[in-house]
Amino acid sequence: MAADMKTTIAEAAVRLLKKNQRRRLTVKDIVEECHITRQAFYYHFADIPELFKWMLERGTERMISESRVNGDPESALKYFFLVGINAGPSLKKGLHGAYGEELEQLMDQYVYGFLEQFSEEAGLYQDCSVAERRLILRYHSGGIMWLLKGWTEADTKNLDHIVGETYRMMKIFSGV
């Protein structure tokens, strides 16, 4: 039941981010949206950044699971980009809100975590030391975050090319 309520709260937060013209997401807004008490919110989450963290963790798990279905690494990377592109408008609102710094830090961790899992499953960086692998993953995470933050309609039209080039660069760093 607790996981279901957490999902309900997370879905309410996403709806509010999508429809609210205000830049600030508050606990008051969330509890009104899902018709619960403040105590119910605080029973499940300490604050809004913890809610964002929970949402990103579930999103990472779901994305890794979904990307495995696609079979090949390039399709998995494309799926990752598509999720990022679709989440972009809501995330941009969140980044400009009161919890922007925390959300940006969580997003960095999320992208890094996905790429870490992705690179393991794709067999990348196997000949690299742990320190080299971490540096490479930080580099690629930063690059992908930069791409997604400035994403345009033209980029969407060139998605396959961008994903292909991103994966090619990852393979070059790997020596594959």
Protein backbone atom coordinates (compact mmCIF):
# COMPACT_ATOMS: atom_id res chain seq x y z
CA MET A 1 0.00 0.00 0.00
CA ALA A 2 2.84 2.42 0.82
CA ALA A 3 4.39 2.00 -2.64
CA ASP A 4 0.97 2.66 -4.20
CA MET A 5 0.60 5.89 -2.23
CA LYS A 6 4.13 6.91 -3.19
CA THR A 7 3.19 6.35 -6.82
CA THR A 8 -0.01 8.38 -6.36
CA ILE A 9 1.97 11.25 -4.83
CA ALA A 10 4.59 11.09 -7.60
CA GLU A 11 1.93 11.09 -10.32
CA ALA A 12 0.28 14.11 -8.71
CA ALA A 13 3.62 15.95 -8.66
CA VAL A 14 4.16 15.19 -12.37
CA ARG A 15 0.64 16.39 -13.25
CA LEU A 16 1.24 19.62 -11.34
CA LEU A 17 4.58 20.21 -13.01
CA LYS A 18 2.98 19.69 -16.41
CA LYS A 19 -0.05 21.89 -15.88
CA ASN A 20 1.11 24.50 -13.36
CA GLN A 21 2.24 27.79 -14.76
CA ARG A 22 3.88 28.54 -11.43
CA ARG A 23 7.52 27.64 -11.06
CA ARG A 24 7.23 26.39 -7.50
CA LEU A 25 5.91 22.96 -6.54
CA THR A 26 4.77 22.78 -2.94
CA VAL A 27 3.66 20.02 -0.60
CA LYS A 28 0.36 21.89 -0.24
CA ASP A 29 -0.20 21.66 -4.02
CA ILE A 30 0.62 17.95 -4.05
CA VAL A 31 -1.63 16.99 -1.13
CA GLU A 32 -4.52 18.94 -2.61
CA GLU A 33 -3.98 17.29 -6.00
CA CYS A 34 -4.08 13.75 -4.61
CA HIS A 35 -6.57 14.45 -1.79
CA ILE A 36 -4.39 13.37 1.12
CA THR A 37 -3.22 15.05 4.30
CA ARG A 38 0.16 16.69 4.76
CA GLN A 39 0.91 13.98 7.31
CA ALA A 40 0.32 11.34 4.65
CA PHE A 41 2.80 13.07 2.35
CA TYR A 42 5.40 13.33 5.12
CA TYR A 43 4.84 9.72 6.11
CA HIS A 44 6.09 8.68 2.66
CA PHE A 45 8.60 11.45 1.87
CA ALA A 46 10.65 13.76 4.08
CA ASP A 47 10.38 16.57 1.53
CA ILE A 48 10.03 17.32 -2.17
CA PRO A 49 13.69 16.54 -3.01
CA GLU A 50 13.22 13.08 -1.50
CA LEU A 51 10.11 12.68 -3.68
CA PHE A 52 12.18 13.64 -6.76
CA LYS A 53 14.88 11.16 -5.73
CA TRP A 54 12.34 8.36 -5.37
CA MET A 55 10.84 9.22 -8.75
CA LEU A 56 14.23 9.21 -10.46
CA GLU A 57 15.25 5.93 -8.84
CA ARG A 58 12.03 4.28 -10.05
CA GLY A 59 12.52 5.85 -13.45
CA THR A 60 16.05 4.48 -13.68
CA GLU A 61 14.90 0.99 -12.74
CA ARG A 62 12.09 1.15 -15.28
CA MET A 63 14.33 2.53 -18.00
CA ILE A 64 17.01 -0.11 -17.52
CA SER A 65 14.37 -2.81 -17.56
CA GLU A 66 12.71 -1.39 -20.69
CA SER A 67 16.01 -0.86 -22.47
CA ARG A 68 16.90 -4.54 -21.98
CA VAL A 69 13.79 -5.45 -23.98
CA ASN A 70 15.19 -3.59 -26.99
CA GLY A 71 18.16 -5.95 -27.14
CA ASP A 72 20.85 -3.87 -28.80
CA PRO A 73 22.70 -1.10 -26.94
CA GLU A 74 21.97 1.63 -29.48
CA SER A 75 18.21 1.04 -29.15
CA ALA A 76 18.55 1.16 -25.37
CA LEU A 77 20.40 4.48 -25.62
CA LYS A 78 17.73 5.84 -27.95
CA TYR A 79 15.05 4.84 -25.45
CA PHE A 80 16.99 6.72 -22.76
CA PHE A 81 17.10 9.85 -24.94
CA LEU A 82 13.36 9.58 -25.68
CA VAL A 83 12.54 9.41 -21.97
CA GLY A 84 14.75 12.43 -21.35
CA ILE A 85 13.17 14.38 -24.20
CA ASN A 86 9.63 13.60 -23.01
CA ALA A 87 10.45 14.47 -19.40
CA GLY A 88 12.25 17.66 -20.42
CA PRO A 89 9.44 20.20 -20.00
CA SER A 90 8.54 18.97 -16.51
CA LEU A 91 12.18 18.76 -15.48
CA LYS A 92 12.89 22.28 -16.71
CA LYS A 93 10.07 23.60 -14.52
CA GLY A 94 11.47 21.66 -11.59
CA LEU A 95 15.00 22.93 -12.23
CA HIS A 96 13.78 26.53 -12.12
CA GLY A 97 11.81 25.96 -8.93
CA ALA A 98 12.75 26.08 -5.29
CA TYR A 99 14.41 22.66 -5.45
CA GLY A 100 16.29 23.19 -8.69
CA GLU A 101 19.75 22.56 -7.29
CA GLU A 102 18.72 19.30 -5.62
CA LEU A 103 16.87 18.16 -8.74
CA GLU A 104 19.85 18.92 -10.97
CA GLN A 105 22.14 16.93 -8.68
CA LEU A 106 19.68 14.03 -8.72
CA MET A 107 19.45 14.21 -12.52
CA ASP A 108 23.24 14.04 -12.77
CA GLN A 109 23.22 10.93 -10.55
CA TYR A 110 20.36 9.44 -12.58
CA VAL A 111 22.11 9.88 -15.92
CA TYR A 112 25.39 8.58 -14.50
CA GLY A 113 23.64 5.56 -12.97
CA PHE A 114 21.91 4.72 -16.22
CA LEU A 115 25.11 5.05 -18.23
CA GLU A 116 27.01 2.94 -15.70
CA GLN A 117 24.48 0.13 -16.02
CA PHE A 118 24.22 0.64 -19.79
CA SER A 119 27.99 0.48 -20.30
CA GLU A 120 28.24 -2.72 -18.25
CA GLU A 121 25.51 -4.41 -20.26
CA ALA A 122 26.98 -3.14 -23.56
CA GLY A 123 30.43 -4.43 -22.62
CA LEU A 124 32.03 -0.98 -22.73
CA TYR A 125 35.11 0.12 -20.76
CA GLN A 126 36.10 -3.41 -19.75
CA ASP A 127 39.80 -2.68 -20.26
CA CYS A 128 39.64 0.56 -18.26
CA SER A 129 40.58 0.97 -14.63
CA VAL A 130 37.83 1.90 -12.18
CA ALA A 131 39.12 5.49 -12.09
CA GLU A 132 39.20 5.72 -15.91
CA ARG A 133 35.72 4.26 -16.16
CA ARG A 134 34.34 6.77 -13.65
CA LEU A 135 35.94 9.67 -15.49
CA ILE A 136 34.61 8.50 -18.85
CA LEU A 137 31.12 8.02 -17.42
CA ARG A 138 31.20 11.49 -15.84
CA TYR A 139 32.27 12.91 -19.19
CA HIS A 140 29.49 11.18 -21.12
CA SER A 141 26.90 11.98 -18.43
CA GLY A 142 27.78 15.67 -18.60
CA GLY A 143 27.63 15.64 -22.38
CA ILE A 144 24.26 13.94 -22.51
CA MET A 145 22.84 16.27 -19.84
CA TRP A 146 24.08 19.24 -21.88
CA LEU A 147 22.45 17.84 -25.02
CA LEU A 148 19.13 17.23 -23.29
CA LYS A 149 19.04 20.64 -21.58
CA GLY A 150 19.32 22.41 -24.91
CA TRP A 151 17.24 19.93 -26.93
CA THR A 152 15.46 21.36 -29.98
CA GLU A 153 12.92 20.17 -32.53
CA ALA A 154 15.77 19.88 -35.04
CA ASP A 155 17.52 17.54 -32.61
CA THR A 156 14.38 15.42 -32.43
CA LYS A 157 14.38 15.13 -36.22
CA ASN A 158 18.03 13.99 -36.02
CA LEU A 159 17.55 11.73 -33.00
CA ASP A 160 18.82 8.56 -34.69
CA HIS A 161 21.98 10.34 -35.85
CA ILE A 162 22.61 11.91 -32.42
CA VAL A 163 22.11 8.60 -30.64
CA GLY A 164 24.31 6.82 -33.18
CA GLU A 165 27.11 9.36 -32.79
CA THR A 166 26.82 9.30 -29.00
CA TYR A 167 27.10 5.53 -28.95
CA ARG A 168 29.98 5.62 -31.45
CA MET A 169 31.88 8.05 -29.18
CA MET A 170 31.22 5.82 -26.19
CA LYS A 171 32.64 2.87 -28.10
CA ILE A 172 35.72 4.89 -29.11
CA PHE A 173 36.42 5.71 -25.46
CA SER A 174 35.99 2.02 -24.72
CA GLY A 175 38.34 0.86 -27.45
CA VAL A 176 35.60 -1.39 -28.87
